[in-house]
Amino acid sequence: MLKDETSIASNSDQSKQSLKFHTSIVEALRSRIGDLESSIEINRKLIYDLVVAKFNEINIDNAETSSSFSPKILENLIGENVKLEAEVKKSLKDLYDTQGKTLLSQQIANELDSKLNEITQEYDEKITEYQYQLKSKEKALEELKRLNKKLSDELSINIQSKNVFIVNPREDLLEVHTKVEMIKEIIQDGARGCYIANNYREMLSSLVKSIHLGCEKIQVLLKNPINRKSLNDKLDIRPLEEVPISDCDSESEYSNSSIEVSDINRNNTVSVKMSIVPKIDFSKIEKKNASRIINSVEASSMNNFGSSQKDRELKLMYFGLNDKITKNTEILERISSKNKTLQQQNILLCKNIGQLRESINTKKLTIRNLEEKNKSKSQYLEKINEVAE
């Protein structure tokens, strides 16, 4: 299209120049024809005057002129008029030829001008269309630049704080955030409950061991009255009701003797209730008096019967504590299973966050590609504008 336009423009210039040249030739021929016609008219007048003067002989002056008149002069004037008429005819022919050429060149010039006007109008329409597209692309580019700036700011914030990921607030993201916070609170509460349960489990295990040892000692001592009688001079065995236990000792020494762990509530908190269990301190056993060393067989049998009853109570207490320990272990297992599920949910949330980051990166890549395309289009439009200018 550009080559055609340049060729049309050059042809139109040439036709205009030829038109000017032919018009100048026409003007010159017209002026020459006018001169020739005027000279012919003058010669005709001279011939007429000479002929009239010759044949009329009106006065003496005319007679003198007629005497000086010669026919050669008349022939010369007639020949000159014939030549002038031939030149006039020739110049008229040239004039007609040049006028035809000028008309043809004028038609060609008009056609070329019309074509050039059509091409210029078409190019003007294309230029306006390209300008409109350029404005729309510039607007889109500005919007993409704003979005890119916003995303770059968010990326810089995310790079500065790796643990914090800022995105536009949406309902699904807000739900995920609230779930994450709830899961964090549940995990913290579960960790506290696990720590408390482990501490009380250790306390229960130590208490059970001490009770188990005391029961074994009592069983050994109360199994045979003979062994008990032989050890009367070394040990002081009294019924459990006679062991002195003060209020301060019961508060200080037995406040952590046993626990009862309730089930996990909605907030996964562990409620602990302390129940005081009597404890036998074998280090505080004193020696009996001499009056209590010598006892009858009936008293020993009665004491044996009472000690066996206490043994059964201790066994029941031991089994009860063991049941509580098993319950606490089950609760701990439940807490650990819930912690595992929460960890799995955290892993899924981390995966979702990674997918969101990947989607943001893909959007940034698409934005960069669009910017490059817009740059190339703007360069192409600038080249078109330069060519049009």
Protein backbone atom coordinates (compact mmCIF):
# COMPACT_ATOMS: atom_id res chain seq x y z
CA MET A 1 0.00 0.00 0.00
CA LEU A 2 2.80 2.46 0.76
CA LYS A 3 4.49 1.75 -2.60
CA ASP A 4 1.20 2.33 -4.45
CA GLU A 5 0.67 5.56 -2.60
CA THR A 6 4.16 6.83 -3.40
CA SER A 7 3.77 5.88 -7.09
CA ILE A 8 0.40 7.62 -7.29
CA ALA A 9 1.83 10.72 -5.63
CA SER A 10 4.79 10.81 -8.04
CA ASN A 11 2.50 10.33 -11.06
CA SER A 12 0.22 13.08 -9.86
CA ASP A 13 3.19 15.41 -9.46
CA GLN A 14 4.42 14.58 -12.96
CA SER A 15 0.95 15.09 -14.44
CA LYS A 16 0.66 18.43 -12.66
CA GLN A 17 4.03 19.52 -14.00
CA SER A 18 3.10 18.43 -17.54
CA LEU A 19 -0.22 20.25 -17.19
CA LYS A 20 1.59 23.42 -16.18
CA PHE A 21 4.00 23.01 -19.10
CA HIS A 22 1.19 22.47 -21.62
CA THR A 23 -0.82 25.37 -20.26
CA SER A 24 2.23 27.60 -20.61
CA ILE A 25 2.69 26.38 -24.21
CA VAL A 26 -0.99 27.05 -24.93
CA GLU A 27 -0.70 30.56 -23.55
CA ALA A 28 2.41 31.17 -25.66
CA LEU A 29 0.70 29.85 -28.79
CA ARG A 30 -2.36 31.97 -28.14
CA SER A 31 -0.25 35.06 -27.73
CA ARG A 32 1.68 34.24 -30.90
CA ILE A 33 -1.55 33.63 -32.82
CA GLY A 34 -2.84 36.96 -31.59
CA ASP A 35 0.35 38.68 -32.74
CA LEU A 36 0.19 36.99 -36.13
CA GLU A 37 -3.45 37.92 -36.58
CA SER A 38 -2.72 41.52 -35.65
CA SER A 39 0.18 41.63 -38.12
CA ILE A 40 -2.04 40.10 -40.84
CA GLU A 41 -4.67 42.74 -40.15
CA ILE A 42 -2.05 45.46 -40.42
CA ASN A 43 -0.73 44.04 -43.68
CA ARG A 44 -4.26 43.78 -45.04
CA LYS A 45 -4.91 47.41 -44.19
CA LEU A 46 -1.68 48.42 -45.92
CA ILE A 47 -2.57 46.44 -49.03
CA TYR A 48 -6.04 47.94 -49.02
CA ASP A 49 -4.69 51.41 -48.67
CA LEU A 50 -2.14 50.89 -51.43
CA VAL A 51 -4.71 49.44 -53.79
CA VAL A 52 -7.18 52.23 -53.12
CA ALA A 53 -4.50 54.86 -53.57
CA LYS A 54 -3.39 53.24 -56.77
CA PHE A 55 -6.70 53.14 -58.52
CA ASN A 56 -8.45 56.22 -57.19
CA GLU A 57 -5.64 58.82 -57.24
CA ILE A 58 -7.55 61.27 -55.11
CA ASN A 59 -4.90 64.03 -54.62
CA ILE A 60 -1.39 64.96 -55.53
CA ASP A 61 0.14 63.41 -52.46
CA ASN A 62 -1.51 60.20 -53.27
CA ALA A 63 -0.31 60.54 -56.82
CA GLU A 64 3.23 60.95 -55.58
CA THR A 65 2.87 57.91 -53.44
CA SER A 66 1.31 56.03 -56.28
CA SER A 67 4.19 57.05 -58.53
CA SER A 68 6.55 55.76 -55.88
CA PHE A 69 4.42 52.67 -55.46
CA SER A 70 5.80 49.48 -56.95
CA PRO A 71 4.01 46.13 -57.43
CA LYS A 72 6.86 44.26 -55.75
CA ILE A 73 5.96 45.78 -52.41
CA LEU A 74 2.44 44.59 -52.84
CA GLU A 75 3.59 41.12 -53.74
CA ASN A 76 5.86 41.05 -50.74
CA LEU A 77 3.02 42.10 -48.46
CA ILE A 78 0.72 39.48 -49.94
CA GLY A 79 3.39 36.78 -49.60
CA GLU A 80 4.05 37.84 -46.03
CA ASN A 81 0.34 37.60 -45.27
CA VAL A 82 0.22 34.13 -46.82
CA LYS A 83 3.17 33.08 -44.66
CA LEU A 84 1.56 34.58 -41.62
CA GLU A 85 -1.69 32.79 -42.32
CA ALA A 86 0.21 29.49 -42.71
CA GLU A 87 1.97 30.11 -39.41
CA VAL A 88 -1.38 30.92 -37.85
CA LYS A 89 -2.83 27.65 -39.11
CA LYS A 90 0.22 25.75 -37.87
CA SER A 91 0.08 27.46 -34.49
CA LEU A 92 -3.64 26.74 -34.29
CA LYS A 93 -2.95 23.08 -34.98
CA ASP A 94 -0.26 23.07 -32.31
CA LEU A 95 -2.67 24.85 -30.02
CA TYR A 96 -5.34 22.23 -30.55
CA ASP A 97 -2.82 19.43 -29.95
CA THR A 98 -1.52 21.03 -26.80
CA GLN A 99 -5.06 21.68 -25.59
CA GLY A 100 -5.89 17.97 -26.08
CA LYS A 101 -2.73 17.02 -24.24
CA THR A 102 -3.55 19.45 -21.47
CA LEU A 103 -7.06 18.06 -21.17
CA LEU A 104 -5.69 14.51 -21.03
CA SER A 105 -3.08 15.44 -18.45
CA GLN A 106 -5.73 17.32 -16.49
CA GLN A 107 -8.00 14.25 -16.48
CA ILE A 108 -5.07 12.07 -15.39
CA ALA A 109 -4.20 14.58 -12.69
CA ASN A 110 -7.81 14.68 -11.50
CA GLU A 111 -7.99 10.88 -11.37
CA LEU A 112 -4.70 10.71 -9.52
CA ASP A 113 -5.88 13.41 -7.12
CA SER A 114 -9.10 11.50 -6.48
CA LYS A 115 -7.17 8.29 -5.88
CA LEU A 116 -4.74 10.10 -3.64
CA ASN A 117 -7.62 11.64 -1.71
CA GLU A 118 -9.24 8.23 -1.32
CA ILE A 119 -5.98 6.70 -0.10
CA THR A 120 -5.35 9.60 2.28
CA GLN A 121 -8.90 9.33 3.60
CA GLU A 122 -8.44 5.58 4.08
CA TYR A 123 -5.17 6.16 5.87
CA ASP A 124 -6.75 8.88 7.99
CA GLU A 125 -9.49 6.45 9.01
CA LYS A 126 -6.88 3.81 9.81
CA ILE A 127 -4.86 6.33 11.78
CA THR A 128 -7.92 7.35 13.80
CA GLU A 129 -8.72 3.68 14.41
CA TYR A 130 -5.13 2.99 15.46
CA GLN A 131 -5.18 6.03 17.71
CA TYR A 132 -8.38 4.78 19.36
CA GLN A 133 -6.83 1.33 19.80
CA LEU A 134 -3.68 2.94 21.15
CA LYS A 135 -5.70 4.94 23.70
CA SER A 136 -7.57 1.80 24.78
CA LYS A 137 -4.30 -0.12 25.02
CA GLU A 138 -2.76 2.71 27.02
CA LYS A 139 -5.71 2.61 29.43
CA ALA A 140 -5.37 -1.17 29.75
CA LEU A 141 -1.63 -0.75 30.22
CA GLU A 142 -2.18 1.81 32.98
CA GLU A 143 -4.61 -0.54 34.70
CA LEU A 144 -2.11 -3.40 34.36
CA LYS A 145 0.63 -1.15 35.74
CA ARG A 146 -1.55 -0.31 38.73
CA LEU A 147 -2.29 -4.00 39.25
CA ASN A 148 1.39 -4.83 38.86
CA LYS A 149 2.34 -2.16 41.37
CA LYS A 150 -0.24 -3.48 43.81
CA LEU A 151 0.99 -7.06 43.34
CA SER A 152 4.62 -5.95 43.68
CA ASP A 153 3.78 -4.18 46.94
CA GLU A 154 2.03 -7.30 48.19
CA LEU A 155 5.00 -9.40 47.09
CA SER A 156 7.45 -7.13 48.91
CA ILE A 157 5.31 -7.34 52.04
CA ASN A 158 5.17 -11.14 51.74
CA ILE A 159 8.95 -11.30 51.25
CA GLN A 160 9.51 -9.11 54.29
CA SER A 161 7.19 -11.21 56.45
CA LYS A 162 7.40 -14.81 55.25
CA ASN A 163 4.97 -16.07 57.89
CA VAL A 164 2.30 -13.56 56.84
CA PHE A 165 0.51 -13.87 53.51
CA ILE A 166 -1.70 -10.93 52.61
CA VAL A 167 -4.39 -11.39 49.98
CA ASN A 168 -7.59 -9.62 49.07
CA PRO A 169 -10.35 -10.33 51.63
CA ARG A 170 -12.73 -12.99 50.39
CA GLU A 171 -15.30 -15.12 52.14
CA ASP A 172 -13.49 -18.41 51.57
CA LEU A 173 -10.16 -16.94 52.71
CA LEU A 174 -11.76 -15.42 55.80
CA GLU A 175 -13.33 -18.79 56.62
CA VAL A 176 -9.95 -20.48 56.16
CA HIS A 177 -8.30 -17.84 58.38
CA THR A 178 -10.90 -18.29 61.13
CA LYS A 179 -10.52 -22.07 60.90
CA VAL A 180 -6.74 -21.74 61.16
CA GLU A 181 -7.06 -19.53 64.22
CA MET A 182 -9.54 -21.93 65.82
CA ILE A 183 -7.23 -24.85 65.05
CA LYS A 184 -4.30 -22.96 66.59
CA GLU A 185 -6.31 -22.30 69.75
CA ILE A 186 -7.43 -25.94 69.86
CA ILE A 187 -3.84 -27.12 69.43
CA GLN A 188 -2.65 -24.81 72.20
CA ASP A 189 -5.43 -25.97 74.51
CA GLY A 190 -4.69 -29.59 73.62
CA ALA A 191 -1.00 -29.05 74.32
CA ARG A 192 -1.82 -27.55 77.70
CA GLY A 193 -4.17 -30.44 78.45
CA CYS A 194 -1.48 -32.94 77.39
CA TYR A 195 1.09 -31.26 79.60
CA ILE A 196 -1.27 -31.22 82.59
CA ALA A 197 -2.36 -34.80 81.97
CA ASN A 198 1.25 -35.97 81.69
CA ASN A 199 2.13 -34.25 84.96
CA TYR A 200 -0.82 -35.81 86.76
CA ARG A 201 -0.09 -39.15 85.18
CA GLU A 202 3.42 -39.05 86.57
CA MET A 203 2.02 -38.08 89.95
CA LEU A 204 -0.50 -40.94 89.79
CA SER A 205 2.14 -43.45 88.76
CA SER A 206 4.40 -42.40 91.65
CA LEU A 207 1.45 -42.56 94.06
CA VAL A 208 0.41 -46.00 92.79
CA LYS A 209 3.96 -47.27 93.16
CA SER A 210 4.14 -46.04 96.74
CA ILE A 211 0.70 -47.54 97.52
CA HIS A 212 1.68 -50.81 95.86
CA LEU A 213 4.83 -51.03 97.96
CA GLY A 214 2.85 -50.24 101.13
CA CYS A 215 0.29 -52.93 100.25
CA GLU A 216 3.02 -55.48 99.66
CA LYS A 217 4.61 -54.67 103.00
CA ILE A 218 1.26 -54.92 104.77
CA GLN A 219 0.53 -58.21 103.01
CA VAL A 220 3.89 -59.58 104.08
CA LEU A 221 3.41 -58.44 107.68
CA LEU A 222 -0.20 -59.53 107.97
CA LYS A 223 0.11 -62.80 106.11
CA ASN A 224 1.38 -64.79 109.08
CA PRO A 225 0.77 -63.84 112.75
CA ILE A 226 4.00 -65.57 113.73
CA ASN A 227 6.09 -63.27 111.52
CA ARG A 228 4.20 -60.35 112.87
CA LYS A 229 4.78 -61.47 116.44
CA SER A 230 8.48 -61.97 115.78
CA LEU A 231 8.76 -58.45 114.37
CA ASN A 232 6.84 -56.75 117.18
CA ASP A 233 10.09 -55.67 118.82
CA LYS A 234 11.18 -53.84 115.61
CA LEU A 235 8.00 -52.50 114.02
CA ASP A 236 5.05 -50.51 115.26
CA ILE A 237 1.87 -51.52 113.41
CA ARG A 238 -1.30 -49.75 114.32
CA PRO A 239 -4.70 -49.62 112.72
CA LEU A 240 -5.11 -46.95 109.98
CA GLU A 241 -7.54 -44.99 112.11
CA GLU A 242 -4.80 -44.38 114.71
CA VAL A 243 -2.28 -42.88 112.27
CA PRO A 244 -2.06 -39.14 113.15
CA ILE A 245 -2.81 -37.00 110.13
CA SER A 246 -3.07 -33.27 110.66
CA ASP A 247 -4.97 -30.82 108.51
CA CYS A 248 -1.80 -29.15 107.29
CA ASP A 249 -0.26 -32.48 106.32
CA SER A 250 -3.45 -33.47 104.50
CA GLU A 251 -3.37 -30.19 102.55
CA SER A 252 0.37 -30.12 101.85
CA GLU A 253 1.35 -33.80 101.45
CA TYR A 254 -1.83 -35.28 99.99
CA SER A 255 -3.17 -32.46 97.79
CA ASN A 256 -1.68 -34.08 94.67
CA SER A 257 -2.24 -37.74 95.66
CA SER A 258 -4.83 -38.60 92.93
CA ILE A 259 -6.61 -36.93 90.03
CA GLU A 260 -9.69 -37.38 88.03
CA VAL A 261 -9.44 -36.11 84.45
CA SER A 262 -12.71 -35.29 82.81
CA ASP A 263 -13.41 -35.64 79.10
CA ILE A 264 -12.39 -32.88 76.67
CA ASN A 265 -15.00 -30.21 76.22
CA ARG A 266 -15.52 -28.01 73.20
CA ASN A 267 -12.50 -25.86 73.95
CA ASN A 268 -10.36 -28.96 74.61
CA THR A 269 -9.60 -27.88 78.17
CA VAL A 270 -8.89 -30.44 80.81
CA SER A 271 -10.64 -30.09 84.15
CA VAL A 272 -8.88 -31.70 87.08
CA LYS A 273 -10.50 -32.59 90.35
CA MET A 274 -8.38 -33.63 93.31
CA SER A 275 -9.56 -36.25 95.72
CA ILE A 276 -7.65 -36.83 98.91
CA VAL A 277 -6.50 -40.39 99.45
CA PRO A 278 -5.07 -41.45 102.85
CA LYS A 279 -1.39 -42.32 102.68
CA ILE A 280 0.52 -44.60 105.06
CA ASP A 281 3.87 -43.17 106.05
CA PHE A 282 6.02 -46.15 107.13
CA SER A 283 8.92 -43.88 108.14
CA LYS A 284 6.85 -42.55 111.07
CA ILE A 285 6.17 -45.92 112.62
CA GLU A 286 7.18 -45.89 116.27
CA LYS A 287 8.03 -48.63 118.66
CA LYS A 288 5.31 -50.00 120.78
CA ASN A 289 5.30 -49.91 124.50
CA ALA A 290 6.10 -52.96 126.43
CA SER A 291 2.51 -53.32 127.47
CA ARG A 292 1.41 -53.69 123.82
CA ILE A 293 4.17 -56.20 122.93
CA ILE A 294 2.48 -58.99 124.88
CA ASN A 295 -0.91 -59.56 123.30
CA SER A 296 -3.13 -62.50 123.32
CA VAL A 297 -3.86 -64.71 120.33
CA GLU A 298 -7.40 -63.41 120.19
CA ALA A 299 -6.22 -59.82 119.98
CA SER A 300 -3.76 -60.84 117.26
CA SER A 301 -6.51 -62.66 115.37
CA MET A 302 -8.77 -59.63 115.68
CA ASN A 303 -5.94 -57.39 114.46
CA ASN A 304 -5.31 -59.84 111.62
CA PHE A 305 -8.96 -59.58 110.64
CA GLY A 306 -8.84 -55.73 110.75
CA SER A 307 -5.61 -55.62 108.74
CA SER A 308 -7.05 -57.91 106.08
CA GLN A 309 -10.01 -55.53 105.80
CA LYS A 310 -7.62 -52.57 105.36
CA ASP A 311 -5.71 -54.60 102.78
CA ARG A 312 -8.87 -55.03 100.77
CA GLU A 313 -9.54 -51.29 100.99
CA LEU A 314 -6.03 -50.55 99.74
CA LYS A 315 -6.45 -53.01 96.89
CA LEU A 316 -9.72 -51.39 95.90
CA MET A 317 -8.02 -48.00 96.06
CA TYR A 318 -5.14 -49.33 93.93
CA PHE A 319 -7.48 -50.71 91.27
CA GLY A 320 -9.48 -47.50 91.26
CA LEU A 321 -6.31 -45.49 90.73
CA ASN A 322 -5.27 -47.88 87.99
CA ASP A 323 -8.64 -47.38 86.28
CA LYS A 324 -8.19 -43.63 86.49
CA ILE A 325 -4.72 -43.97 84.97
CA THR A 326 -6.15 -45.98 82.06
CA LYS A 327 -8.86 -43.36 81.57
CA ASN A 328 -6.24 -40.61 81.54
CA THR A 329 -4.17 -42.56 79.01
CA GLU A 330 -7.24 -42.93 76.78
CA ILE A 331 -7.88 -39.19 77.08
CA LEU A 332 -4.25 -38.53 76.15
CA GLU A 333 -4.58 -40.82 73.14
CA ARG A 334 -7.71 -38.94 72.05
CA ILE A 335 -5.88 -35.64 72.41
CA SER A 336 -2.95 -36.98 70.38
CA SER A 337 -5.31 -38.23 67.65
CA LYS A 338 -7.02 -34.83 67.54
CA ASN A 339 -3.60 -33.19 67.35
CA LYS A 340 -2.76 -35.42 64.37
CA THR A 341 -5.98 -34.44 62.59
CA LEU A 342 -5.26 -30.79 63.30
CA GLN A 343 -1.76 -31.20 61.91
CA GLN A 344 -3.21 -32.78 58.76
CA GLN A 345 -5.62 -29.84 58.43
CA ASN A 346 -2.68 -27.45 58.84
CA ILE A 347 -0.83 -29.30 56.05
CA LEU A 348 -3.88 -28.94 53.78
CA LEU A 349 -4.09 -25.24 54.59
CA CYS A 350 -0.40 -24.83 53.78
CA LYS A 351 -1.00 -26.57 50.44
CA ASN A 352 -3.92 -24.22 49.70
CA ILE A 353 -1.72 -21.23 50.53
CA GLY A 354 0.96 -22.60 48.18
CA GLN A 355 -1.61 -22.97 45.41
CA LEU A 356 -2.72 -19.37 45.96
CA ARG A 357 0.89 -18.21 45.71
CA GLU A 358 1.34 -20.18 42.48
CA SER A 359 -1.83 -18.62 41.04
CA ILE A 360 -0.53 -15.15 41.97
CA ASN A 361 2.79 -15.92 40.27
CA THR A 362 0.98 -17.09 37.11
CA LYS A 363 -1.09 -13.90 37.11
CA LYS A 364 2.11 -11.86 37.39
CA LEU A 365 3.60 -13.75 34.44
CA THR A 366 0.47 -13.08 32.36
CA ILE A 367 0.65 -9.39 33.30
CA ARG A 368 4.29 -9.23 32.18
CA ASN A 369 3.43 -10.92 28.89
CA LEU A 370 0.59 -8.45 28.32
CA GLU A 371 2.94 -5.54 29.07
CA GLU A 372 5.45 -6.86 26.53
CA LYS A 373 2.70 -7.28 23.92
CA ASN A 374 1.43 -3.75 24.59
CA LYS A 375 4.98 -2.39 24.23
CA SER A 376 5.41 -4.15 20.88
CA LYS A 377 2.00 -2.88 19.69
CA SER A 378 2.82 0.68 20.78
CA GLN A 379 6.14 0.52 18.92
CA TYR A 380 4.34 -0.78 15.81
CA LEU A 381 1.77 2.03 16.04
CA GLU A 382 4.55 4.61 16.46
CA LYS A 383 6.20 3.30 13.29
CA ILE A 384 2.85 3.52 11.43
CA ASN A 385 2.38 7.11 12.66
CA GLU A 386 5.89 8.04 11.53
CA VAL A 387 5.24 6.55 8.07
CA ALA A 388 1.89 8.34 7.84
CA GLU A 389 3.51 11.65 8.78
